[in-house]
C-alpha cells in the first residue's frame, strides 16, 4: 500500500470514530430511546459534545475533497 492510501485509510478511520464521544454524551444526557428517536423537547448536550459533532461534520466534508485529489 502506498503512503497516500495508508494516510487516507487512517484519516477515514479517525473521522469514522469521531462521532462516538458525541453519541456517548447524548445517551448520557438523554435516554437511549431519546438519543435514537426524535423527542419533542430534547435536553441540550454539553458544549464539548456539540464541538465534537461540528468537528466530525467538518472532517467528513473535507475527507471527500482530500480523497478526490
Protein backbone atom coordinates (compact mmCIF):
# COMPACT_ATOMS: atom_id res chain seq x y z
CA UNK A 1 0.00 0.00 0.00
CA UNK A 2 1.31 3.43 -0.82
CA UNK A 3 1.78 6.15 1.75
CA UNK A 4 -1.16 8.13 0.37
CA UNK A 5 -3.57 5.22 0.69
CA UNK A 6 -2.31 4.47 4.19
CA UNK A 7 -2.85 8.07 5.28
CA UNK A 8 -6.29 8.16 3.66
CA UNK A 9 -7.26 4.97 5.46
CA UNK A 10 -6.08 6.31 8.82
CA UNK A 11 -7.91 9.61 8.35
CA UNK A 12 -11.08 7.80 7.28
CA UNK A 13 -10.99 5.59 10.37
CA UNK A 14 -10.40 8.61 12.59
CA UNK A 15 -13.28 10.53 11.02
CA UNK A 16 -15.46 7.46 11.36
CA UNK A 17 -14.78 7.21 15.08
CA UNK A 18 -15.22 10.91 15.88
CA UNK A 19 -18.99 10.53 16.35
CA UNK A 20 -18.68 8.16 19.33
CA UNK A 21 -17.95 10.77 22.07
CA UNK A 22 -20.87 12.89 20.87
CA UNK A 23 -23.21 9.90 20.86
CA UNK A 24 -21.99 8.83 24.31
CA UNK A 25 -22.80 12.30 25.66
CA UNK A 26 -26.24 12.32 24.02
CA UNK A 27 -27.05 8.93 25.54
CA UNK A 28 -25.72 10.11 28.90
CA UNK A 29 -27.75 13.32 28.88
CA UNK A 30 -30.87 11.69 27.45
CA UNK A 31 -32.05 8.11 27.43
CA UNK A 32 -31.18 5.75 24.59
CA UNK A 33 -34.68 5.93 23.14
CA UNK A 34 -34.49 9.75 23.03
CA UNK A 35 -30.99 9.62 21.58
CA UNK A 36 -32.11 7.36 18.74
CA UNK A 37 -35.50 9.00 18.23
CA UNK A 38 -36.89 12.47 17.81
CA UNK A 39 -38.08 13.72 21.22
CA UNK A 40 -40.39 16.74 21.40
CA UNK A 41 -38.17 18.72 23.79
CA UNK A 42 -34.65 17.24 23.73
CA UNK A 43 -32.25 18.05 26.53
CA UNK A 44 -29.24 20.05 25.38
CA UNK A 45 -25.91 18.30 25.05
CA UNK A 46 -22.66 19.51 26.59
CA UNK A 47 -20.77 22.22 24.76
CA UNK A 48 -17.80 19.95 24.12
CA UNK A 49 -20.09 17.34 22.57
CA UNK A 50 -21.53 19.97 20.26
CA UNK A 51 -17.99 20.94 19.25
CA UNK A 52 -17.08 17.29 18.59
CA UNK A 53 -20.15 16.95 16.37
CA UNK A 54 -19.18 20.02 14.36
CA UNK A 55 -15.59 18.73 14.05
CA UNK A 56 -16.87 15.38 12.81
CA UNK A 57 -19.08 17.02 10.19
CA UNK A 58 -16.17 19.18 9.07
CA UNK A 59 -13.86 16.16 8.82
CA UNK A 60 -16.38 14.25 6.71
CA UNK A 61 -16.83 17.20 4.36
CA UNK A 62 -13.08 17.67 3.96
CA UNK A 63 -12.44 13.95 3.57
CA UNK A 64 -14.25 13.97 0.23
CA UNK A 65 -12.01 16.75 -1.04
CA UNK A 66 -8.89 15.05 0.31
CA UNK A 67 -9.81 11.68 -1.20
CA UNK A 68 -10.57 13.08 -4.63
CA UNK A 69 -7.07 14.52 -5.19
